[in-house]
Amino acid sequence: MTSSPPRSPRLLLLSALLLAVTGVVVLSLPSAGVSNSPAAPPTRPPAAAAPPSSPPPPSPSPQPSSPSASRHISGASSSTPTQPPEPARPTALPPHGEGPAGDHTVQQALETAWPADLCPVDEQRLRALGTSLLRADATGVGRADWPEVFQGRHQAVAPAFAAARFRVQAVIARRDGPAGRAVVHLVWAGTDRGGTFTDGRITDLQFVRSVTKGGARWSPKP
């Protein structure tokens, strides 16, 4: 029997180095391939984030309604009782010295401040009588038509105003207490004997109604 020749030390060293390298490679492999523990379930990829929802469009602001519509709505919804009509206010008088152009305004002011309370026939008659009596007293014109007023010494009294510029601006007739009595309210203008013209003068003349064979008659109170 023949014996094998002895191995070379170089060959032994090379084999040991090869085994060492092999062991390092085996140890460096991932442990998942050799582990007996159950594998963890695969993780689900995170869901894609939902896009942010856009905010709802702002509601349109109410448009201001027209004035007429506002009045219509407020009038329909409110139940305010109807207010009683206000009493008529006196008409503003014209300034002094306005002349005949302002007489109509004075007449309206009298009628508004003192409502009528006589029948139209009596009022018209009293207005004419009052104007005639005032003219006779102030200017002397027509005193003969009033003998019961201008007699004796009263007939001789000189008139205080000139007839040329005498003017009745307004006149009304109203009741004066009990039935059969009335007062004529006159606003007039005139120039006195000193040459001073003044308008807006006020005179009240009282009359009494009497019934005779010829009918009803209005006479000035003495």
C-alpha atoms as a PDB file:
ATOM      1  CA  MET A   1       0.000   0.000   0.000  1.00  0.00           C
ATOM      2  CA  THR A   2       1.353   3.304  -0.930  1.00  0.00           C
ATOM      3  CA  SER A   3       0.906   6.467   1.279  1.00  0.00           C
ATOM      4  CA  SER A   4      -0.395   9.833  -0.074  1.00  0.00           C
ATOM      5  CA  PRO A   5       2.134  12.545  -0.284  1.00  0.00           C
ATOM      6  CA  PRO A   6       1.887  15.220   2.446  1.00  0.00           C
ATOM      7  CA  ARG A   7      -0.242  18.288   1.657  1.00  0.00           C
ATOM      8  CA  SER A   8       1.448  21.562   0.983  1.00  0.00           C
ATOM      9  CA  PRO A   9       1.075  24.212   3.727  1.00  0.00           C
ATOM     10  CA  ARG A  10       0.098  26.706   1.057  1.00  0.00           C
ATOM     11  CA  LEU A  11      -2.866  24.622   0.023  1.00  0.00           C
ATOM     12  CA  LEU A  12      -4.088  24.363   3.597  1.00  0.00           C
ATOM     13  CA  LEU A  13      -3.912  28.095   4.073  1.00  0.00           C
ATOM     14  CA  LEU A  14      -5.860  28.696   0.868  1.00  0.00           C
ATOM     15  CA  SER A  15      -8.626  26.293   1.956  1.00  0.00           C
ATOM     16  CA  ALA A  16      -8.973  27.953   5.347  1.00  0.00           C
ATOM     17  CA  LEU A  17      -9.251  31.363   3.750  1.00  0.00           C
ATOM     18  CA  LEU A  18     -11.943  30.094   1.376  1.00  0.00           C
ATOM     19  CA  LEU A  19     -13.971  28.662   4.259  1.00  0.00           C
ATOM     20  CA  ALA A  20     -13.742  31.951   6.162  1.00  0.00           C
ATOM     21  CA  VAL A  21     -14.974  33.952   3.216  1.00  0.00           C
ATOM     22  CA  THR A  22     -17.849  31.507   2.714  1.00  0.00           C
ATOM     23  CA  GLY A  23     -18.922  31.837   6.353  1.00  0.00           C
ATOM     24  CA  VAL A  24     -18.885  35.623   6.176  1.00  0.00           C
ATOM     25  CA  VAL A  25     -21.067  35.530   3.061  1.00  0.00           C
ATOM     26  CA  VAL A  26     -23.539  33.149   4.713  1.00  0.00           C
ATOM     27  CA  LEU A  27     -23.797  35.290   7.827  1.00  0.00           C
ATOM     28  CA  SER A  28     -24.344  38.462   5.799  1.00  0.00           C
ATOM     29  CA  LEU A  29     -27.481  37.098   4.095  1.00  0.00           C
ATOM     30  CA  PRO A  30     -30.878  38.730   5.287  1.00  0.00           C
ATOM     31  CA  SER A  31     -32.372  36.950   8.250  1.00  0.00           C
ATOM     32  CA  ALA A  32     -35.886  36.983   6.663  1.00  0.00           C
ATOM     33  CA  GLY A  33     -34.932  34.140   4.463  1.00  0.00           C
ATOM     34  CA  VAL A  34     -33.951  31.858   7.365  1.00  0.00           C
ATOM     35  CA  SER A  35     -36.254  33.103  10.186  1.00  0.00           C
ATOM     36  CA  ASN A  36     -39.085  30.841  11.277  1.00  0.00           C
ATOM     37  CA  SER A  37     -41.270  33.724  12.632  1.00  0.00           C
ATOM     38  CA  PRO A  38     -44.396  34.574  10.632  1.00  0.00           C
ATOM     39  CA  ALA A  39     -43.925  37.306   8.106  1.00  0.00           C
ATOM     40  CA  ALA A  40     -45.569  40.651   8.856  1.00  0.00           C
ATOM     41  CA  PRO A  41     -48.425  41.461   6.532  1.00  0.00           C
ATOM     42  CA  PRO A  42     -47.488  43.825   3.837  1.00  0.00           C
ATOM     43  CA  THR A  43     -48.372  47.396   4.685  1.00  0.00           C
ATOM     44  CA  ARG A  44     -50.981  49.082   2.485  1.00  0.00           C
ATOM     45  CA  PRO A  45     -49.735  52.163   0.821  1.00  0.00           C
ATOM     46  CA  PRO A  46     -51.234  55.274   2.352  1.00  0.00           C
ATOM     47  CA  ALA A  47     -54.386  56.436   0.611  1.00  0.00           C
ATOM     48  CA  ALA A  48     -54.059  59.511  -1.439  1.00  0.00           C
ATOM     49  CA  ALA A  49     -55.197  62.552   0.467  1.00  0.00           C
ATOM     50  CA  ALA A  50     -58.551  63.777  -0.712  1.00  0.00           C
ATOM     51  CA  PRO A  51     -58.365  67.157  -2.343  1.00  0.00           C
ATOM     52  CA  PRO A  52     -59.639  69.883  -0.064  1.00  0.00           C
ATOM     53  CA  SER A  53     -63.275  70.586  -0.757  1.00  0.00           C
ATOM     54  CA  SER A  54     -63.904  74.027  -2.138  1.00  0.00           C
ATOM     55  CA  PRO A  55     -65.967  76.260   0.137  1.00  0.00           C
ATOM     56  CA  PRO A  56     -69.569  76.779  -0.934  1.00  0.00           C
ATOM     57  CA  PRO A  57     -70.110  79.912  -2.947  1.00  0.00           C
ATOM     58  CA  PRO A  58     -71.308  82.817  -0.773  1.00  0.00           C
ATOM     59  CA  SER A  59     -75.006  83.415  -0.921  1.00  0.00           C
ATOM     60  CA  PRO A  60     -75.844  86.567  -2.856  1.00  0.00           C
ATOM     61  CA  SER A  61     -76.518  89.477  -0.574  1.00  0.00           C
ATOM     62  CA  PRO A  62     -80.045  90.853  -0.839  1.00  0.00           C
ATOM     63  CA  GLN A  63     -80.268  93.784  -3.145  1.00  0.00           C
ATOM     64  CA  PRO A  64     -81.792  96.948  -1.691  1.00  0.00           C
ATOM     65  CA  SER A  65     -85.333  97.260  -2.857  1.00  0.00           C
ATOM     66  CA  SER A  66     -86.609 100.364  -4.512  1.00  0.00           C
ATOM     67  CA  PRO A  67     -88.280 103.053  -2.351  1.00  0.00           C
ATOM     68  CA  SER A  68     -91.646 102.334  -3.893  1.00  0.00           C
ATOM     69  CA  ALA A  69     -91.362  98.619  -3.131  1.00  0.00           C
ATOM     70  CA  SER A  70     -90.286  99.351   0.439  1.00  0.00           C
ATOM     71  CA  ARG A  71     -93.262 101.565   0.957  1.00  0.00           C
ATOM     72  CA  HIS A  72     -95.551  98.943  -0.506  1.00  0.00           C
ATOM     73  CA  ILE A  73     -94.226  96.168   1.730  1.00  0.00           C
ATOM     74  CA  SER A  74     -94.203  98.207   4.887  1.00  0.00           C
ATOM     75  CA  GLY A  75     -97.689  99.444   4.170  1.00  0.00           C
ATOM     76  CA  ALA A  76     -98.988  95.912   3.632  1.00  0.00           C
ATOM     77  CA  SER A  77     -97.430  94.473   6.797  1.00  0.00           C
ATOM     78  CA  SER A  78     -98.233  97.300   9.183  1.00  0.00           C
ATOM     79  CA  SER A  79    -101.629  97.723  10.708  1.00  0.00           C
ATOM     80  CA  THR A  80    -101.322 101.309  11.947  1.00  0.00           C
ATOM     81  CA  PRO A  81    -104.763 102.859  12.390  1.00  0.00           C
ATOM     82  CA  THR A  82    -105.575 105.810  10.210  1.00  0.00           C
ATOM     83  CA  GLN A  83    -104.838 109.073  11.970  1.00  0.00           C
ATOM     84  CA  PRO A  84    -107.682 111.614  12.126  1.00  0.00           C
ATOM     85  CA  PRO A  85    -107.179 114.594   9.822  1.00  0.00           C
ATOM     86  CA  GLU A  86    -105.490 117.557  11.424  1.00  0.00           C
ATOM     87  CA  PRO A  87    -107.527 120.734  11.852  1.00  0.00           C
ATOM     88  CA  ALA A  88    -106.957 123.353   9.222  1.00  0.00           C
ATOM     89  CA  ARG A  89    -104.201 125.753  10.129  1.00  0.00           C
ATOM     90  CA  PRO A  90    -104.764 129.509   9.826  1.00  0.00           C
ATOM     91  CA  THR A  91    -103.550 130.972   6.575  1.00  0.00           C
ATOM     92  CA  ALA A  92    -100.511 133.206   6.932  1.00  0.00           C
ATOM     93  CA  LEU A  93    -101.487 136.846   6.599  1.00  0.00           C
ATOM     94  CA  PRO A  94     -99.788 138.979   3.962  1.00  0.00           C
ATOM     95  CA  PRO A  95     -97.364 141.680   5.104  1.00  0.00           C
ATOM     96  CA  HIS A  96     -98.689 145.163   5.776  1.00  0.00           C
ATOM     97  CA  GLY A  97     -98.816 147.340   2.711  1.00  0.00           C
ATOM     98  CA  GLU A  98     -99.425 144.407   0.347  1.00  0.00           C
ATOM     99  CA  GLY A  99    -102.366 146.243  -1.230  1.00  0.00           C
ATOM    100  CA  PRO A 100    -105.503 144.733  -2.777  1.00  0.00           C
ATOM    101  CA  ALA A 101    -103.480 141.713  -3.960  1.00  0.00           C
ATOM    102  CA  GLY A 102    -103.334 140.420  -0.390  1.00  0.00           C
ATOM    103  CA  ASP A 103    -107.044 140.897   0.428  1.00  0.00           C
ATOM    104  CA  HIS A 104    -107.999 137.432  -0.787  1.00  0.00           C
ATOM    105  CA  THR A 105    -105.526 135.868   1.644  1.00  0.00           C
ATOM    106  CA  VAL A 106    -106.974 137.887   4.525  1.00  0.00           C
ATOM    107  CA  GLN A 107    -110.474 136.722   3.584  1.00  0.00           C
ATOM    108  CA  GLN A 108    -109.351 133.089   3.545  1.00  0.00           C
ATOM    109  CA  ALA A 109    -107.686 133.486   6.942  1.00  0.00           C
ATOM    110  CA  LEU A 110    -110.914 134.835   8.451  1.00  0.00           C
ATOM    111  CA  GLU A 111    -113.059 132.055   7.029  1.00  0.00           C
ATOM    112  CA  THR A 112    -110.590 129.372   8.207  1.00  0.00           C
ATOM    113  CA  ALA A 113    -110.277 130.742  11.730  1.00  0.00           C
ATOM    114  CA  TRP A 114    -114.032 131.284  12.151  1.00  0.00           C
ATOM    115  CA  PRO A 115    -116.149 128.639  10.337  1.00  0.00           C
ATOM    116  CA  ALA A 116    -119.525 129.696   8.964  1.00  0.00           C
ATOM    117  CA  ASP A 117    -122.582 129.135  11.166  1.00  0.00           C
ATOM    118  CA  LEU A 118    -125.255 131.244   9.437  1.00  0.00           C
ATOM    119  CA  CYS A 119    -127.337 130.430   6.402  1.00  0.00           C
ATOM    120  CA  PRO A 120    -125.768 131.814   3.201  1.00  0.00           C
ATOM    121  CA  VAL A 121    -128.632 134.316   2.667  1.00  0.00           C
ATOM    122  CA  ASP A 122    -128.276 135.891   6.117  1.00  0.00           C
ATOM    123  CA  GLU A 123    -124.475 135.956   5.905  1.00  0.00           C
ATOM    124  CA  GLN A 124    -124.486 137.681   2.519  1.00  0.00           C
ATOM    125  CA  ARG A 125    -126.992 140.259   3.738  1.00  0.00           C
ATOM    126  CA  LEU A 126    -125.060 140.955   6.947  1.00  0.00           C
ATOM    127  CA  ARG A 127    -121.768 141.330   5.095  1.00  0.00           C
ATOM    128  CA  ALA A 128    -123.295 144.016   2.852  1.00  0.00           C
ATOM    129  CA  LEU A 129    -124.879 145.808   5.812  1.00  0.00           C
ATOM    130  CA  GLY A 130    -121.656 145.738   7.836  1.00  0.00           C
ATOM    131  CA  THR A 131    -119.561 147.112   4.947  1.00  0.00           C
ATOM    132  CA  SER A 132    -122.035 149.937   4.316  1.00  0.00           C
ATOM    133  CA  LEU A 133    -122.233 150.901   7.997  1.00  0.00           C
ATOM    134  CA  LEU A 134    -118.449 150.896   8.434  1.00  0.00           C
ATOM    135  CA  ARG A 135    -117.929 153.088   5.351  1.00  0.00           C
ATOM    136  CA  ALA A 136    -120.548 155.554   6.598  1.00  0.00           C
ATOM    137  CA  ASP A 137    -118.914 155.749  10.011  1.00  0.00           C
ATOM    138  CA  ALA A 138    -115.307 156.049   8.792  1.00  0.00           C
ATOM    139  CA  THR A 139    -115.723 158.283   5.745  1.00  0.00           C
ATOM    140  CA  GLY A 140    -119.159 159.881   6.168  1.00  0.00           C
ATOM    141  CA  VAL A 141    -120.373 158.439   2.848  1.00  0.00           C
ATOM    142  CA  GLY A 142    -123.934 157.015   3.157  1.00  0.00           C
ATOM    143  CA  ARG A 143    -124.728 158.145   6.673  1.00  0.00           C
ATOM    144  CA  ALA A 144    -128.196 159.135   5.528  1.00  0.00           C
ATOM    145  CA  ASP A 145    -128.965 155.450   5.022  1.00  0.00           C
ATOM    146  CA  TRP A 146    -128.512 154.878   8.764  1.00  0.00           C
ATOM    147  CA  PRO A 147    -130.687 157.432  10.529  1.00  0.00           C
ATOM    148  CA  GLU A 148    -130.991 155.248  13.619  1.00  0.00           C
ATOM    149  CA  VAL A 149    -127.206 155.372  14.029  1.00  0.00           C
ATOM    150  CA  PHE A 150    -126.220 158.828  12.747  1.00  0.00           C
ATOM    151  CA  GLN A 151    -128.646 161.319  14.156  1.00  0.00           C
ATOM    152  CA  GLY A 152    -128.290 164.438  16.207  1.00  0.00           C
ATOM    153  CA  ARG A 153    -124.731 165.102  17.196  1.00  0.00           C
ATOM    154  CA  HIS A 154    -123.470 161.864  15.646  1.00  0.00           C
ATOM    155  CA  GLN A 155    -124.506 163.173  12.230  1.00  0.00           C
ATOM    156  CA  ALA A 156    -122.282 166.206  12.697  1.00  0.00           C
ATOM    157  CA  VAL A 157    -119.144 164.264  13.642  1.00  0.00           C
ATOM    158  CA  ALA A 158    -116.513 164.759  10.931  1.00  0.00           C
ATOM    159  CA  PRO A 159    -115.315 161.564   9.271  1.00  0.00           C
ATOM    160  CA  ALA A 160    -111.884 160.405  10.349  1.00  0.00           C
ATOM    161  CA  PHE A 161    -110.826 158.745   7.086  1.00  0.00           C
ATOM    162  CA  ALA A 162    -110.728 159.811   3.459  1.00  0.00           C
ATOM    163  CA  ALA A 163    -113.179 158.051   1.191  1.00  0.00           C
ATOM    164  CA  ALA A 164    -110.664 157.766  -1.657  1.00  0.00           C
ATOM    165  CA  ARG A 165    -108.393 155.205   0.023  1.00  0.00           C
ATOM    166  CA  PHE A 166    -110.954 153.418   2.161  1.00  0.00           C
ATOM    167  CA  ARG A 167    -111.127 149.692   1.426  1.00  0.00           C
ATOM    168  CA  VAL A 168    -112.622 146.655   3.149  1.00  0.00           C
ATOM    169  CA  GLN A 169    -110.052 143.862   2.943  1.00  0.00           C
ATOM    170  CA  ALA A 170    -112.189 141.036   4.328  1.00  0.00           C
ATOM    171  CA  VAL A 171    -115.586 140.591   5.986  1.00  0.00           C
ATOM    172  CA  ILE A 172    -117.512 137.679   7.525  1.00  0.00           C
ATOM    173  CA  ALA A 173    -120.767 137.383   9.513  1.00  0.00           C
ATOM    174  CA  ARG A 174    -121.256 134.877  12.346  1.00  0.00           C
ATOM    175  CA  ARG A 175    -123.731 134.166  15.131  1.00  0.00           C
ATOM    176  CA  ASP A 176    -123.358 136.181  18.301  1.00  0.00           C
ATOM    177  CA  GLY A 177    -124.882 134.257  21.201  1.00  0.00           C
ATOM    178  CA  PRO A 178    -128.617 133.480  21.079  1.00  0.00           C
ATOM    179  CA  ALA A 179    -130.618 133.122  17.900  1.00  0.00           C
ATOM    180  CA  GLY A 180    -131.390 136.371  16.114  1.00  0.00           C
ATOM    181  CA  ARG A 181    -128.043 137.983  16.975  1.00  0.00           C
ATOM    182  CA  ALA A 182    -125.002 138.254  14.731  1.00  0.00           C
ATOM    183  CA  VAL A 183    -121.670 140.022  14.532  1.00  0.00           C
ATOM    184  CA  VAL A 184    -119.991 141.291  11.372  1.00  0.00           C
ATOM    185  CA  HIS A 185    -116.206 141.095  11.572  1.00  0.00           C
ATOM    186  CA  LEU A 186    -114.390 143.461   9.191  1.00  0.00           C
ATOM    187  CA  VAL A 187    -110.714 143.979   8.314  1.00  0.00           C
ATOM    188  CA  TRP A 188    -110.139 147.239   6.464  1.00  0.00           C
ATOM    189  CA  ALA A 189    -107.629 149.863   5.359  1.00  0.00           C
ATOM    190  CA  GLY A 190    -107.768 153.643   5.109  1.00  0.00           C
ATOM    191  CA  THR A 191    -105.927 156.948   5.270  1.00  0.00           C
ATOM    192  CA  ASP A 192    -106.688 159.123   8.279  1.00  0.00           C
ATOM    193  CA  ARG A 193    -106.940 162.902   8.308  1.00  0.00           C
ATOM    194  CA  GLY A 194    -103.256 163.157   9.086  1.00  0.00           C
ATOM    195  CA  GLY A 195    -102.385 161.366   5.831  1.00  0.00           C
ATOM    196  CA  THR A 196    -101.262 158.092   7.450  1.00  0.00           C
ATOM    197  CA  PHE A 197    -102.364 154.979   5.616  1.00  0.00           C
ATOM    198  CA  THR A 198    -102.957 151.878   7.746  1.00  0.00           C
ATOM    199  CA  ASP A 199    -104.256 148.456   6.740  1.00  0.00           C
ATOM    200  CA  GLY A 200    -105.277 145.513   8.871  1.00  0.00           C
ATOM    201  CA  ARG A 201    -107.708 147.537  10.990  1.00  0.00           C
ATOM    202  CA  ILE A 202    -110.379 145.422  12.759  1.00  0.00           C
ATOM    203  CA  THR A 203    -113.978 146.419  13.539  1.00  0.00           C
ATOM    204  CA  ASP A 204    -116.873 144.342  14.902  1.00  0.00           C
ATOM    205  CA  LEU A 205    -120.454 145.458  14.279  1.00  0.00           C
ATOM    206  CA  GLN A 206    -123.361 143.731  16.032  1.00  0.00           C
ATOM    207  CA  PHE A 207    -126.777 143.227  14.472  1.00  0.00           C
ATOM    208  CA  VAL A 208    -130.149 142.042  15.750  1.00  0.00           C
ATOM    209  CA  ARG A 209    -132.743 140.235  13.668  1.00  0.00           C
ATOM    210  CA  SER A 210    -136.347 141.319  13.924  1.00  0.00           C
ATOM    211  CA  VAL A 211    -139.496 140.181  12.125  1.00  0.00           C
ATOM    212  CA  THR A 212    -141.897 142.813  10.757  1.00  0.00           C
ATOM    213  CA  LYS A 213    -144.792 142.848   8.306  1.00  0.00           C
ATOM    214  CA  GLY A 214    -142.318 143.205   5.516  1.00  0.00           C
ATOM    215  CA  GLY A 215    -140.325 140.163   6.661  1.00  0.00           C
ATOM    216  CA  ALA A 216    -137.118 139.591   8.622  1.00  0.00           C
ATOM    217  CA  ARG A 217    -134.805 142.565   9.058  1.00  0.00           C
ATOM    218  CA  TRP A 218    -131.295 142.946  10.468  1.00  0.00           C
ATOM    219  CA  SER A 219    -130.659 146.175  12.371  1.00  0.00           C
ATOM    220  CA  PRO A 220    -127.467 147.418  14.043  1.00  0.00           C
ATOM    221  CA  LYS A 221    -127.463 147.358  17.844  1.00  0.00           C
ATOM    222  CA  PRO A 222    -127.534 150.857  19.326  1.00  0.00           C
END
